[in-house]
Amino acid sequence: MPEIRQVLAFVAIVETGSFTLAAKKLNLTQSAISHSLRSLEDSLDARLLDRKGKSHRLTASGEIFLKHCHAVINELDTAMTRMNAMPKKAG
């Protein structure tokens, strides 16, 4: 099962178009972003991005996985919004 930090790193890479900008967006090092993506691809046994130098593009697997990542992130955002709207437990 992928870890949420790996999913967030993958989505940030795609959204920013850059490992460096993804690292800045998530307040991580570029090395941490690269490691997260490598670990994610290993755990999925699938290549998500084709890399050529500093550029990259989504693979077919990456496109499918990205759609599901967006759905998962949206669900988590909804859950957090609903949880924050609930009365807080005393103590």
N, C-alpha and C. Protein backbone atom coordinates (compact mmCIF):
# COMPACT_ATOMS: atom_id res chain seq x y z
N MET A 1 0.85 -1.18 0.00
CA MET A 1 0.00 0.00 0.00
C MET A 1 0.90 1.24 0.00
N PRO A 2 0.68 2.14 -0.93
CA PRO A 2 1.49 3.36 -0.96
C PRO A 2 1.27 4.22 0.29
N GLU A 3 2.31 4.92 0.69
CA GLU A 3 2.19 5.86 1.80
C GLU A 3 1.71 7.20 1.27
N ILE A 4 0.98 7.94 2.08
CA ILE A 4 0.41 9.22 1.63
C ILE A 4 1.51 10.20 1.22
N ARG A 5 2.66 10.18 1.89
CA ARG A 5 3.74 11.10 1.52
C ARG A 5 4.25 10.80 0.12
N GLN A 6 4.24 9.53 -0.27
CA GLN A 6 4.65 9.15 -1.62
C GLN A 6 3.64 9.64 -2.65
N VAL A 7 2.36 9.49 -2.31
CA VAL A 7 1.29 9.94 -3.20
C VAL A 7 1.36 11.45 -3.37
N LEU A 8 1.54 12.17 -2.27
CA LEU A 8 1.63 13.62 -2.34
C LEU A 8 2.85 14.08 -3.15
N ALA A 9 3.95 13.38 -3.01
CA ALA A 9 5.14 13.71 -3.78
C ALA A 9 4.88 13.50 -5.27
N PHE A 10 4.29 12.37 -5.63
CA PHE A 10 3.98 12.08 -7.02
C PHE A 10 3.07 13.15 -7.61
N VAL A 11 2.00 13.48 -6.92
CA VAL A 11 1.06 14.49 -7.40
C VAL A 11 1.75 15.85 -7.53
N ALA A 12 2.59 16.20 -6.57
CA ALA A 12 3.30 17.48 -6.62
C ALA A 12 4.25 17.54 -7.82
N ILE A 13 4.92 16.44 -8.11
CA ILE A 13 5.81 16.39 -9.28
C ILE A 13 5.02 16.66 -10.55
N VAL A 14 3.89 15.99 -10.69
CA VAL A 14 3.07 16.15 -11.88
C VAL A 14 2.51 17.56 -11.96
N GLU A 15 1.99 18.08 -10.84
CA GLU A 15 1.35 19.39 -10.85
C GLU A 15 2.35 20.52 -11.08
N THR A 16 3.55 20.40 -10.54
CA THR A 16 4.54 21.48 -10.70
C THR A 16 5.40 21.28 -11.94
N GLY A 17 5.47 20.05 -12.43
CA GLY A 17 6.29 19.76 -13.58
C GLY A 17 7.77 19.63 -13.27
N SER A 18 8.08 19.57 -11.97
CA SER A 18 9.49 19.58 -11.57
C SER A 18 9.68 18.93 -10.21
N PHE A 19 10.75 18.14 -10.09
CA PHE A 19 11.10 17.56 -8.80
C PHE A 19 11.49 18.67 -7.82
N THR A 20 12.22 19.66 -8.32
CA THR A 20 12.67 20.77 -7.47
C THR A 20 11.48 21.57 -6.95
N LEU A 21 10.55 21.92 -7.83
CA LEU A 21 9.38 22.69 -7.39
C LEU A 21 8.46 21.86 -6.49
N ALA A 22 8.39 20.56 -6.76
CA ALA A 22 7.60 19.68 -5.88
C ALA A 22 8.20 19.67 -4.48
N ALA A 23 9.52 19.63 -4.41
CA ALA A 23 10.20 19.65 -3.11
C ALA A 23 9.90 20.94 -2.37
N LYS A 24 9.97 22.06 -3.08
CA LYS A 24 9.67 23.36 -2.45
C LYS A 24 8.22 23.41 -1.98
N LYS A 25 7.31 22.92 -2.81
CA LYS A 25 5.88 22.93 -2.45
C LYS A 25 5.61 22.14 -1.18
N LEU A 26 6.32 21.01 -1.01
CA LEU A 26 6.09 20.14 0.14
C LEU A 26 7.09 20.36 1.27
N ASN A 27 7.94 21.37 1.12
CA ASN A 27 8.97 21.67 2.13
C ASN A 27 9.85 20.47 2.41
N LEU A 28 10.30 19.83 1.33
CA LEU A 28 11.18 18.69 1.43
C LEU A 28 12.40 18.94 0.54
N THR A 29 13.37 18.06 0.62
CA THR A 29 14.51 18.16 -0.28
C THR A 29 14.17 17.46 -1.59
N GLN A 30 14.89 17.82 -2.63
CA GLN A 30 14.69 17.16 -3.92
C GLN A 30 15.00 15.68 -3.79
N SER A 31 15.99 15.36 -2.99
CA SER A 31 16.36 13.96 -2.75
C SER A 31 15.20 13.19 -2.13
N ALA A 32 14.51 13.80 -1.18
CA ALA A 32 13.37 13.14 -0.53
C ALA A 32 12.25 12.89 -1.53
N ILE A 33 12.03 13.84 -2.43
CA ILE A 33 11.00 13.68 -3.46
C ILE A 33 11.37 12.53 -4.39
N SER A 34 12.62 12.51 -4.82
CA SER A 34 13.08 11.44 -5.71
C SER A 34 12.96 10.08 -5.04
N HIS A 35 13.35 10.02 -3.78
CA HIS A 35 13.27 8.76 -3.03
C HIS A 35 11.82 8.31 -2.87
N SER A 36 10.93 9.25 -2.58
CA SER A 36 9.51 8.90 -2.43
C SER A 36 8.95 8.33 -3.73
N LEU A 37 9.29 8.96 -4.86
CA LEU A 37 8.79 8.47 -6.14
C LEU A 37 9.36 7.08 -6.44
N ARG A 38 10.64 6.91 -6.22
CA ARG A 38 11.29 5.62 -6.48
C ARG A 38 10.64 4.53 -5.61
N SER A 39 10.42 4.82 -4.33
CA SER A 39 9.79 3.85 -3.43
C SER A 39 8.35 3.55 -3.85
N LEU A 40 7.64 4.58 -4.30
CA LEU A 40 6.27 4.40 -4.77
C LEU A 40 6.25 3.49 -5.99
N GLU A 41 7.10 3.77 -6.95
CA GLU A 41 7.16 2.94 -8.15
C GLU A 41 7.55 1.50 -7.80
N ASP A 42 8.46 1.34 -6.87
CA ASP A 42 8.85 -0.01 -6.44
C ASP A 42 7.67 -0.74 -5.80
N SER A 43 6.95 -0.05 -4.93
CA SER A 43 5.83 -0.70 -4.24
C SER A 43 4.70 -1.05 -5.19
N LEU A 44 4.53 -0.25 -6.23
CA LEU A 44 3.48 -0.51 -7.23
C LEU A 44 3.95 -1.44 -8.33
N ASP A 45 5.26 -1.66 -8.38
CA ASP A 45 5.88 -2.44 -9.46
C ASP A 45 5.46 -1.89 -10.81
N ALA A 46 5.52 -0.55 -10.92
CA ALA A 46 5.13 0.13 -12.15
C ALA A 46 5.89 1.45 -12.27
N ARG A 47 6.26 1.79 -13.48
CA ARG A 47 6.89 3.08 -13.76
C ARG A 47 5.77 4.09 -13.93
N LEU A 48 5.82 5.19 -13.18
CA LEU A 48 4.78 6.22 -13.25
C LEU A 48 5.20 7.38 -14.15
N LEU A 49 6.50 7.64 -14.21
CA LEU A 49 7.03 8.73 -15.03
C LEU A 49 8.16 8.22 -15.90
N ASP A 50 8.18 8.67 -17.14
CA ASP A 50 9.35 8.46 -18.00
C ASP A 50 10.21 9.70 -17.82
N ARG A 51 11.48 9.48 -17.45
CA ARG A 51 12.38 10.59 -17.20
C ARG A 51 13.41 10.68 -18.31
N LYS A 52 13.65 11.89 -18.77
CA LYS A 52 14.72 12.17 -19.73
C LYS A 52 15.39 13.45 -19.28
N GLY A 53 16.53 13.30 -18.63
CA GLY A 53 17.21 14.47 -18.08
C GLY A 53 16.35 15.09 -17.00
N LYS A 54 16.08 16.38 -17.15
CA LYS A 54 15.26 17.07 -16.15
C LYS A 54 13.78 17.06 -16.52
N SER A 55 13.46 16.54 -17.70
CA SER A 55 12.05 16.49 -18.09
C SER A 55 11.48 15.10 -17.82
N HIS A 56 10.19 15.04 -17.74
CA HIS A 56 9.50 13.78 -17.50
C HIS A 56 8.08 13.86 -18.05
N ARG A 57 7.51 12.70 -18.28
CA ARG A 57 6.10 12.64 -18.69
C ARG A 57 5.47 11.42 -18.06
N LEU A 58 4.16 11.50 -17.87
CA LEU A 58 3.43 10.39 -17.28
C LEU A 58 3.41 9.19 -18.22
N THR A 59 3.57 8.02 -17.65
CA THR A 59 3.35 6.78 -18.38
C THR A 59 1.85 6.49 -18.36
N ALA A 60 1.43 5.48 -19.07
CA ALA A 60 0.01 5.08 -19.03
C ALA A 60 -0.38 4.70 -17.60
N SER A 61 0.50 3.99 -16.91
CA SER A 61 0.23 3.63 -15.51
C SER A 61 0.16 4.88 -14.64
N GLY A 62 1.03 5.83 -14.92
CA GLY A 62 1.05 7.07 -14.16
C GLY A 62 -0.25 7.86 -14.32
N GLU A 63 -0.77 7.88 -15.53
CA GLU A 63 -2.04 8.59 -15.77
C GLU A 63 -3.18 7.96 -14.99
N ILE A 64 -3.25 6.65 -15.00
CA ILE A 64 -4.30 5.95 -14.26
C ILE A 64 -4.14 6.20 -12.77
N PHE A 65 -2.91 6.05 -12.28
CA PHE A 65 -2.68 6.21 -10.84
C PHE A 65 -2.96 7.65 -10.40
N LEU A 66 -2.61 8.63 -11.23
CA LEU A 66 -2.85 10.04 -10.90
C LEU A 66 -4.33 10.31 -10.68
N LYS A 67 -5.18 9.77 -11.53
CA LYS A 67 -6.63 9.98 -11.37
C LYS A 67 -7.10 9.47 -10.02
N HIS A 68 -6.60 8.32 -9.62
CA HIS A 68 -7.00 7.76 -8.33
C HIS A 68 -6.39 8.55 -7.17
N CYS A 69 -5.18 9.05 -7.36
CA CYS A 69 -4.55 9.89 -6.32
C CYS A 69 -5.38 11.13 -6.06
N HIS A 70 -5.85 11.76 -7.13
CA HIS A 70 -6.69 12.96 -6.96
C HIS A 70 -7.96 12.61 -6.18
N ALA A 71 -8.55 11.47 -6.48
CA ALA A 71 -9.77 11.04 -5.78
C ALA A 71 -9.48 10.82 -4.30
N VAL A 72 -8.36 10.17 -4.00
CA VAL A 72 -8.00 9.89 -2.60
C VAL A 72 -7.74 11.20 -1.86
N ILE A 73 -7.00 12.11 -2.46
CA ILE A 73 -6.69 13.39 -1.81
C ILE A 73 -7.97 14.18 -1.59
N ASN A 74 -8.88 14.18 -2.56
CA ASN A 74 -10.16 14.87 -2.38
C ASN A 74 -10.97 14.28 -1.23
N GLU A 75 -10.97 12.96 -1.13
CA GLU A 75 -11.69 12.31 -0.03
C GLU A 75 -11.08 12.68 1.33
N LEU A 76 -9.76 12.71 1.40
CA LEU A 76 -9.09 13.10 2.65
C LEU A 76 -9.40 14.54 3.01
N ASP A 77 -9.41 15.42 2.01
CA ASP A 77 -9.76 16.83 2.26
C ASP A 77 -11.18 16.94 2.79
N THR A 78 -12.10 16.19 2.19
CA THR A 78 -13.49 16.20 2.64
C THR A 78 -13.60 15.68 4.07
N ALA A 79 -12.90 14.61 4.37
CA ALA A 79 -12.92 14.05 5.72
C ALA A 79 -12.39 15.07 6.74
N MET A 80 -11.30 15.74 6.40
CA MET A 80 -10.73 16.73 7.32
C MET A 80 -11.69 17.90 7.53
N THR A 81 -12.32 18.35 6.48
CA THR A 81 -13.29 19.44 6.58
C THR A 81 -14.45 19.04 7.49
N ARG A 82 -14.95 17.83 7.30
CA ARG A 82 -16.06 17.35 8.13
C ARG A 82 -15.64 17.16 9.58
N MET A 83 -14.44 16.65 9.79
CA MET A 83 -13.94 16.45 11.15
C MET A 83 -13.75 17.79 11.86
N ASN A 84 -13.23 18.78 11.13
CA ASN A 84 -13.00 20.09 11.74
C ASN A 84 -14.31 20.80 12.07
N ALA A 85 -15.37 20.44 11.39
CA ALA A 85 -16.68 21.06 11.65
C ALA A 85 -17.38 20.44 12.86
N MET A 86 -16.89 19.31 13.32
CA MET A 86 -17.51 18.65 14.47
C MET A 86 -17.12 19.34 15.77
N PRO A 87 -18.03 19.28 16.75
CA PRO A 87 -17.67 19.83 18.07
C PRO A 87 -16.43 19.10 18.62
N LYS A 88 -15.57 19.84 19.22
CA LYS A 88 -14.35 19.25 19.79
C LYS A 88 -14.65 18.58 21.11
N LYS A 89 -13.98 17.46 21.33
CA LYS A 89 -14.13 16.70 22.56
C LYS A 89 -13.40 17.45 23.69
N ALA A 90 -14.05 17.61 24.80
CA ALA A 90 -13.44 18.29 25.95
C ALA A 90 -12.34 17.42 26.54
N GLY A 91 -11.29 18.08 27.00
CA GLY A 91 -10.25 17.36 27.71
C GLY A 91 -9.16 17.03 26.82
